[in-house]
Protein backbone atom coordinates (compact mmCIF):
# COMPACT_ATOMS: atom_id res chain seq x y z
CA MET A 1 103.21 37.39 -176.57
CA PHE A 2 100.40 39.83 -175.84
CA ILE A 3 101.05 41.60 -179.16
CA ARG A 4 100.84 38.29 -181.02
CA ILE A 5 97.47 37.48 -179.45
CA ILE A 6 96.09 40.91 -180.38
CA VAL A 7 97.30 40.62 -183.97
CA LEU A 8 95.91 37.09 -184.25
CA CYS A 9 92.50 38.28 -183.01
CA VAL A 10 92.54 41.09 -185.57
CA ILE A 11 93.32 38.63 -188.37
CA ILE A 12 90.55 36.23 -187.28
CA THR A 13 88.04 39.09 -186.99
CA HIS A 14 89.05 40.37 -190.42
CA ASN A 15 88.57 36.94 -192.00
CA VAL A 16 85.18 36.45 -190.33
CA GLN A 17 83.97 39.82 -191.57
CA LEU A 18 84.99 38.96 -195.12
CA SER A 19 83.72 35.38 -195.06
CA GLU A 20 80.47 36.40 -196.74
CA SER A 21 82.14 38.65 -199.33
CA LEU A 22 84.03 37.64 -202.42
CA ILE A 23 87.53 39.13 -202.73
CA CYS A 24 89.31 39.34 -206.08
CA TYR A 25 92.45 40.76 -207.61
CA SER A 26 92.07 43.91 -209.69
CA CYS A 27 94.53 45.37 -212.21
CA SER A 28 94.73 46.37 -215.85
CA ASN A 29 97.17 47.09 -218.65
CA GLU A 30 100.32 46.42 -216.66
CA HIS A 31 103.08 43.86 -217.14
CA GLU A 32 102.58 42.77 -213.54
CA CYS A 33 98.90 42.07 -214.24
CA SER A 34 99.74 39.36 -216.78
CA GLN A 35 101.81 37.37 -214.27
CA ARG A 36 100.59 34.61 -211.97
CA LEU A 37 99.59 36.06 -208.60
CA PRO A 38 99.42 34.31 -205.20
CA PRO A 39 96.34 32.05 -204.91
CA VAL A 40 95.66 33.75 -201.56
CA VAL A 41 96.92 36.96 -200.03
CA ILE A 42 99.25 36.06 -197.16
CA LEU A 43 98.61 38.67 -194.51
CA GLY A 44 102.07 38.28 -193.05
CA SER A 45 104.52 36.07 -191.18
CA TRP A 46 106.14 36.28 -187.75
CA ASN A 47 109.67 37.54 -187.46
CA PRO A 48 111.96 37.22 -184.39
CA ASN A 49 110.83 40.62 -183.11
CA GLY A 50 107.24 39.42 -182.78
CA LEU A 51 105.92 41.64 -185.55
CA ILE A 52 104.10 40.73 -188.74
CA THR A 53 105.92 41.26 -192.01
CA PRO A 54 103.28 41.70 -194.73
CA THR A 55 103.70 39.99 -198.07
CA PRO A 56 103.42 42.79 -200.64
CA LEU A 57 101.59 42.50 -203.95
CA PRO A 58 102.91 44.11 -207.15
CA ALA A 59 102.36 47.86 -207.12
CA SER A 60 99.73 47.79 -209.87
CA VAL A 61 97.66 45.00 -208.28
CA ARG A 62 95.07 45.59 -205.59
CA THR A 63 92.28 43.58 -203.97
CA VAL A 64 88.59 44.43 -204.28
CA GLN A 65 85.52 43.15 -202.44
CA ALA A 66 81.95 42.47 -203.55
CA GLU A 67 79.48 45.19 -202.67
CA ASN A 68 77.06 44.70 -199.77
CA ASN A 69 78.24 41.12 -199.15
CA ASP A 70 76.43 40.14 -202.34
CA ASN A 71 77.37 36.65 -203.50
CA LEU A 72 76.23 37.14 -207.10
CA PHE A 73 79.64 38.41 -208.15
CA SER A 74 82.58 36.63 -209.79
CA CYS A 75 86.30 37.17 -210.06
CA SER A 76 87.45 37.38 -213.67
CA ILE A 77 90.52 37.32 -215.87
CA LYS A 78 90.07 38.80 -219.33
CA ILE A 79 92.43 39.20 -222.28
CA THR A 80 91.47 42.17 -224.48
CA PRO A 81 91.86 42.24 -228.30
CA ASN A 82 94.95 44.40 -227.70
CA GLY A 83 96.50 41.66 -225.57
CA TRP A 84 96.04 43.44 -222.24
CA THR A 85 95.25 41.40 -219.12
CA LEU A 86 92.39 42.64 -216.95
CA ARG A 87 91.52 41.30 -213.50
CA ALA A 88 88.38 42.48 -211.76
CA ILE A 89 85.26 41.64 -209.78
CA ILE A 90 82.09 41.84 -211.86
CA PRO A 91 78.44 40.70 -211.68
CA SER A 92 78.36 36.98 -212.43
CA TYR A 93 75.98 37.34 -215.37
CA GLU A 94 78.44 39.65 -217.17
CA CYS A 95 81.17 37.03 -217.18
CA GLN A 96 81.27 34.66 -220.16
CA SER A 97 83.72 31.76 -220.15
CA SER A 98 85.84 31.68 -223.31
CA SER A 99 89.41 31.44 -224.57
CA TYR A 100 89.74 35.10 -223.55
CA GLU A 101 87.84 35.12 -220.24
CA PHE A 102 87.84 33.02 -217.06
CA CYS A 103 85.43 33.38 -214.13
CA CYS A 104 85.31 31.92 -210.62
CA ASN A 105 83.70 32.63 -207.24
CA GLU A 106 86.33 31.91 -204.59
CA ASN A 107 88.57 34.46 -202.91
CA TYR A 108 91.56 35.44 -205.07
CA CYS A 109 90.71 32.73 -207.60
CA ASN A 110 91.57 35.02 -210.54
CA HIS A 111 95.28 34.62 -209.80
CA LEU A 112 96.04 32.58 -212.95
CA PRO A 113 98.28 34.20 -215.59
CA ALA A 114 95.64 33.69 -218.31
CA PRO A 115 92.33 31.87 -218.92
CA PRO A 116 92.93 28.09 -218.94
CA LEU A 117 92.68 26.22 -222.25
CA PRO A 118 90.82 24.59 -223.84
CA ALA A 119 87.99 26.83 -222.62
CA LEU A 120 84.67 25.47 -221.39
CA THR A 121 81.85 27.50 -222.92
CA SER A 122 78.58 25.55 -222.64
CA LEU A 123 78.38 24.78 -218.89
CA LYS A 124 75.77 27.31 -217.83
CA CYS A 125 73.87 27.99 -214.60
CA THR A 126 71.09 30.31 -213.54
CA VAL A 127 72.07 32.99 -211.01
CA SER A 128 69.54 34.99 -208.99
CA LYS A 129 68.84 36.34 -205.52
CA CYS A 130 65.16 36.89 -204.73
CA PRO A 131 63.13 37.13 -201.50
CA ASN A 132 60.80 34.20 -201.02
CA SER A 133 57.85 36.60 -200.95
CA SER A 134 58.75 38.14 -204.32
CA VAL A 135 56.25 37.50 -207.11
CA THR A 136 58.77 38.05 -209.89
CA CYS A 137 62.44 37.13 -209.89
CA ILE A 138 64.99 38.35 -212.40
CA GLN A 139 67.28 35.48 -213.36
CA HIS A 140 70.51 35.62 -215.31
CA ARG A 141 72.62 32.99 -217.02
CA VAL A 142 76.35 32.55 -216.41
CA ALA A 143 78.89 30.25 -218.08
CA LEU A 144 81.08 28.15 -215.79
CA SER A 145 84.83 28.02 -216.37
CA SER A 146 85.79 24.92 -214.38
CA ALA A 147 84.75 21.27 -214.24
CA THR A 148 84.73 21.46 -210.42
CA GLU A 149 81.74 23.83 -210.34
CA SER A 150 78.08 22.80 -210.17
CA CYS A 151 74.81 24.69 -210.44
CA SER A 152 73.19 25.11 -207.03
CA ALA A 153 69.98 26.35 -205.45
CA THR A 154 69.09 27.34 -201.89
CA PHE A 155 65.57 28.18 -200.74
CA GLY A 156 64.54 30.07 -197.62
CA GLU A 157 63.85 33.68 -196.69
CA VAL A 158 65.96 34.50 -199.73
CA ASN A 159 66.17 32.11 -202.66
CA TYR A 160 69.61 31.81 -204.21
CA ARG A 161 70.51 30.22 -207.51
CA TYR A 162 74.22 30.20 -208.11
CA TYR A 163 77.19 27.93 -208.86
CA THR A 164 79.40 26.25 -206.28
CA LYS A 165 82.65 24.30 -206.19
CA GLY A 166 82.39 20.94 -204.42
CA CYS A 167 78.60 21.28 -204.17
CA GLN A 168 76.91 19.12 -201.48
CA PRO A 169 73.09 19.27 -201.30
CA THR A 170 71.66 19.36 -197.77
CA ILE A 171 68.00 18.62 -197.06
CA PRO A 172 66.76 20.63 -194.04
CA HIS A 173 64.48 17.99 -192.50
CA THR A 174 67.26 15.37 -192.51
CA ASN A 175 69.74 17.64 -190.76
CA PRO A 176 68.39 19.26 -187.55
CA ALA A 177 71.40 21.56 -187.34
CA PHE A 178 70.61 23.02 -190.74
CA GLN A 179 68.40 26.09 -190.72
CA VAL A 180 67.48 27.94 -193.87
CA SER A 181 67.85 31.64 -193.26
CA LEU A 182 69.09 34.79 -194.86
CA TYR A 183 72.60 34.04 -193.64
CA ASN A 184 72.80 30.32 -194.36
CA ARG A 185 73.52 29.64 -198.01
CA GLN A 186 74.20 25.92 -197.83
CA PRO A 187 73.06 24.46 -201.19
CA MET A 188 69.93 22.33 -201.06
CA PHE A 189 70.11 21.25 -204.70
CA CYS A 190 73.12 20.56 -206.96
CA CYS A 191 73.21 19.59 -210.64
CA ASN A 192 75.52 19.72 -213.64
CA SER A 193 73.55 20.11 -216.86
CA PRO A 194 72.94 23.51 -218.52
CA GLU A 195 70.70 25.75 -216.38
CA CYS A 196 69.51 22.77 -214.34
CA ASN A 197 69.02 24.94 -211.23
CA THR A 198 66.16 26.89 -212.80
CA GLY A 199 63.52 24.44 -211.60
CA PRO A 200 60.99 24.86 -208.78
CA GLU A 201 61.66 24.62 -205.06
CA ALA A 202 60.42 21.01 -205.01
CA ASN A 203 63.72 19.95 -206.63
CA ALA A 204 65.51 20.89 -203.41
CA PHE A 205 64.14 17.80 -201.66
CA LYS A 206 65.56 15.22 -204.04
CA GLY A 207 68.63 14.73 -201.86
CA ILE A 208 71.84 13.15 -203.14
CA SER A 209 71.65 10.92 -206.20
CA ILE A 210 75.38 10.30 -206.73
CA GLN A 211 78.71 11.49 -205.33
CA CYS A 212 81.80 12.06 -207.47
CA TYR A 213 85.28 13.47 -207.22
CA THR A 214 85.88 16.75 -209.02
CA CYS A 215 89.14 18.39 -210.08
CA ASP A 216 90.40 20.38 -213.05
CA SER A 217 94.12 20.39 -213.85
CA ARG A 218 93.68 23.20 -216.40
CA VAL A 219 93.13 25.48 -213.39
CA THR A 220 95.18 23.93 -210.58
CA GLY A 221 97.83 21.83 -212.33
CA LEU A 222 98.18 18.09 -212.90
CA GLU A 223 99.11 17.17 -209.33
CA GLY A 224 96.34 15.23 -207.64
CA CYS A 225 94.08 15.15 -210.69
CA MET A 226 95.94 13.36 -213.51
CA LEU A 227 97.43 10.89 -211.01
CA PHE A 228 94.56 10.82 -208.57
CA ASN A 229 95.24 11.86 -204.99
CA GLU A 230 92.19 12.14 -202.76
CA SER A 231 94.09 14.16 -200.15
CA SER A 232 95.03 16.90 -202.61
CA PRO A 233 93.48 20.28 -201.67
CA ASP A 234 92.45 20.67 -205.32
CA VAL A 235 90.33 17.49 -205.33
CA TYR A 236 86.75 17.82 -204.06
CA LYS A 237 84.03 15.41 -203.03
CA ALA A 238 80.84 16.69 -204.61
CA ALA A 239 77.30 15.40 -204.99
CA SER A 240 74.47 15.77 -207.46
CA SER A 241 70.70 15.69 -207.02
CA SER A 242 70.11 14.58 -210.62
CA ARG A 243 69.53 10.92 -211.45
CA ASP A 244 70.67 11.50 -215.04
CA GLU A 245 74.24 12.28 -214.03
CA SER A 246 77.25 9.99 -213.76
CA CYS A 247 80.82 10.40 -212.60
CA ALA A 248 83.39 10.92 -215.36
CA THR A 249 87.15 11.01 -215.84
CA ILE A 250 88.34 13.11 -218.77
CA ILE A 251 91.89 12.99 -220.12
CA GLY A 252 92.90 15.53 -222.75
CA LEU A 253 96.08 15.57 -224.82
CA SER A 254 98.16 18.61 -225.60
CA GLY A 255 96.91 20.64 -228.52
CA GLN A 256 96.36 24.09 -229.96
CA ASP A 257 93.41 26.30 -229.11
CA SER A 258 91.35 26.94 -232.25
CA VAL A 259 90.49 30.51 -231.20
CA THR A 260 93.76 31.95 -229.91
CA GLY A 261 96.25 29.58 -231.55
CA THR A 262 97.87 29.07 -228.13
CA THR A 263 99.19 25.59 -227.32
CA TYR A 264 98.14 23.87 -224.10
CA PRO A 265 99.57 20.80 -222.28
CA ASP A 266 97.95 17.49 -221.35
CA PHE A 267 95.15 17.91 -218.82
CA ALA A 268 92.73 15.94 -216.65
CA MET A 269 89.24 16.64 -215.34
CA ARG A 270 87.09 14.59 -212.98
CA THR A 271 83.50 15.72 -212.85
CA PHE A 272 79.80 14.94 -213.45
CA ILE A 273 78.29 14.45 -216.91
CA SER A 274 74.58 14.17 -217.62
CA LYS A 275 73.73 11.07 -219.68
CA CYS A 276 77.43 10.25 -219.86
CA VAL A 277 78.70 8.02 -222.69
CA ASP A 278 82.19 6.49 -222.82
CA ARG A 279 84.44 7.89 -225.54
CA ASP A 280 87.57 6.05 -226.59
CA TRP A 281 90.81 7.79 -227.56
CA GLY A 282 90.17 10.26 -230.36
CA THR A 283 88.41 13.59 -230.82
CA VAL A 284 85.98 14.18 -227.93
CA SER A 285 83.93 17.09 -226.59
CA TYR A 286 83.04 18.29 -223.11
CA GLY A 287 81.57 21.58 -221.92
CA GLY A 288 81.80 23.16 -225.36
CA ALA A 289 85.50 22.30 -225.77
CA THR A 290 86.66 19.86 -228.46
CA PHE A 291 90.03 18.17 -228.02
CA ARG A 292 91.91 14.89 -228.44
CA GLY A 293 91.46 12.58 -225.50
CA ARG A 294 89.15 10.12 -223.76
CA ILE A 295 86.05 10.19 -221.53
CA LYS A 296 85.28 7.34 -219.13
CA CYS A 297 81.97 7.18 -217.22
CA CYS A 298 80.92 5.28 -214.09
CA THR A 299 77.74 5.18 -212.03
CA SER A 300 78.66 4.38 -208.41
CA ASP A 301 79.58 6.84 -205.66
CA LEU A 302 83.11 8.27 -205.92
CA CYS A 303 83.99 5.85 -208.71
CA ASN A 304 85.94 8.29 -210.91
CA LYS A 305 89.28 7.86 -209.15
CA GLU A 306 90.86 5.48 -211.64
CA ASN A 307 94.06 6.64 -213.30
CA ILE A 308 93.99 6.41 -217.09
CA ASP A 309 97.26 5.91 -218.93
CA ILE A 310 97.73 7.38 -222.38
CA PRO A 311 98.53 4.47 -224.75
CA LYS A 312 101.93 4.84 -226.38
CA ARG A 313 100.52 3.60 -229.67
CA PHE A 314 97.94 6.40 -229.63
CA ARG A 315 100.45 9.10 -228.79
CA ASN A 316 102.91 7.66 -231.35
CA ALA A 317 100.12 7.55 -233.93
CA LEU A 318 99.41 11.21 -233.25
CA LYS A 319 103.08 12.06 -233.61
CA GLY A 320 103.29 9.96 -236.78
CA GLY A 321 100.26 11.73 -238.19
CA PHE A 322 101.83 15.08 -237.38
CA PHE A 323 105.05 14.17 -239.19
CA ILE A 324 103.12 12.78 -242.18
CA ILE A 325 101.05 15.95 -242.49
CA SER A 326 104.15 18.10 -242.06
CA GLY A 327 105.95 16.06 -244.73
CA LEU A 328 103.03 16.41 -247.14
CA LEU A 329 102.91 20.16 -246.61
CA ILE A 330 106.66 20.43 -247.23
CA ALA A 331 106.38 18.27 -250.38
CA ILE A 332 103.48 20.38 -251.66
CA GLY A 333 105.55 23.50 -251.04
CA ILE A 334 108.55 22.09 -252.94
CA VAL A 335 106.43 20.94 -255.92
CA GLY A 336 104.65 24.28 -255.99
CA GLY A 337 107.99 26.08 -255.96
CA ILE A 338 109.32 23.97 -258.84
CA ILE A 339 106.19 24.59 -260.93
CA TYR A 340 106.32 28.31 -260.23
CA LEU A 341 110.03 28.49 -261.13
CA SER A 342 109.42 26.58 -264.37
CA CYS A 343 106.57 28.88 -265.38
CA TRP A 344 108.62 31.92 -264.50
CA ARG A 345 111.49 30.74 -266.71
CA LYS A 346 109.12 30.06 -269.62
CA ARG A 347 107.55 33.51 -269.30
CA LYS A 348 111.00 35.11 -269.16
CA ALA A 349 112.18 33.22 -272.26
CA LYS A 350 109.03 34.22 -274.17
CA HIS A 351 109.45 37.84 -273.12
CA ASP A 352 113.08 37.90 -274.34
CA SER A 353 111.98 36.44 -277.72
CA CYS A 354 109.34 39.13 -278.16
CA VAL A 355 111.86 41.87 -277.43
CA THR A 356 114.25 40.46 -280.11
CA ASN A 357 111.54 40.35 -282.80
CA GLU A 358 110.26 43.79 -282.05
CA SER A 359 113.74 45.27 -282.46
CA GLY A 360 113.69 44.28 -286.16
CA ILE A 361 110.43 46.07 -287.00
CA ARG A 362 110.84 49.24 -289.13
CA LEU A 363 108.79 52.07 -287.66
CA LEU A 364 107.25 54.88 -289.72
CA PRO A 365 109.48 57.94 -289.30
CA SER A 366 107.99 60.89 -287.53
CA GLU A 367 109.74 63.36 -289.89
CA PRO A 368 109.36 63.38 -293.72
CA THR A 369 112.23 61.94 -295.70
CA PRO A 370 113.95 64.60 -297.87
CA GLY A 371 112.62 64.54 -301.42
CA THR A 372 109.66 62.43 -300.56
CA GLY A 373 107.69 64.80 -298.39
CA TRP A 374 104.29 63.85 -297.06
CA SER A 375 101.45 65.89 -295.81
CA GLN A 376 98.73 65.34 -293.32
CA ARG A 377 96.16 66.56 -295.88
CA GLY A 378 95.29 64.26 -298.84
CA THR A 379 95.62 65.49 -302.50
CA ALA A 380 93.60 64.80 -305.60
CA THR A 381 95.98 62.06 -306.62
CA ASP A 382 95.28 60.36 -303.31
CA TYR A 383 91.51 60.37 -303.99
CA PRO A 384 90.99 60.01 -307.80
CA GLU A 385 87.25 59.55 -307.41
CA ARG A 386 86.93 63.05 -306.00
CA SER A 387 88.92 64.67 -308.89
CA ALA A 388 86.82 63.10 -311.65
CA ALA A 389 84.50 65.40 -313.61
CA PRO A 390 80.81 64.93 -313.03
């Protein structure tokens, strides 16, 4: 029992020490690196002997930690042009969301086997860490990879601009327990339009304008997001400080990524959209991704919990369109083949005819015929005008 208490204290102390530091998986160019890894590292489990049995990671995979407890780092998954999978921790501004790269800022969040598709590429936030007394502040731009993340800003002894999952703005003067300090990074401002956290400190006192549910099944799977389940650990209650934003439910149908050619399944996202407009079933766009689906907006707190069924007629129409296009392509291929075969036969027949005619042509012999010799040099009889007397 005493050993268990000691080990438990060590685990708690270890977690507290790392609470301010981002921890990510790191590996490269190994088969094990392209596999799905545990979403968290399980330190161990009790066995009957009272000892902890650690859960091992693959030999080529290790964990790395952000330097100096700096929160301006991200975990990343990247697919190289050679098809290698790389996992690492990098400065946030170096990470660009795309079909080949995924970024996140929670411990071990780069455990996915590959970047989720379709990729979000236009959701961007400003990231910076500057003392309040600093005259100049270097700011960078980072692309978000998930619909659950919001741009955030915190002002105090050190001003942070970053991005946060399940962002909840907290105004200091309305919460006596909240103290802005170097060690408290509770967001004071949250928003969801490109680089919306670049504004001045005055924006931090706008409070909460609207609350919405956020989830992204491309990252966590359909459970809890497609069929809404508020108690799911992958569903967040988030808030925005912007009056231009609404709650939204996005349903996407299976398709093929235009960059990698990889197919992806149906997906669901619940999030915020600035100046949101309803889009009926068809081709829609969100966050730089274009796909077949629907977007439904609403403007009251936590209103985006409605489940949206995919109409059978729409899915059947898509299937019918696929078969029609496939049939047309096959028909075009058959007609093209027939035309090519016909032309080939005509060319072959013409070629055979030319060979037959040419075989009947009498060629000039290369050797003189006996009795009728010929010379390369002309004679006077060949050129009578030259033999005539002047």
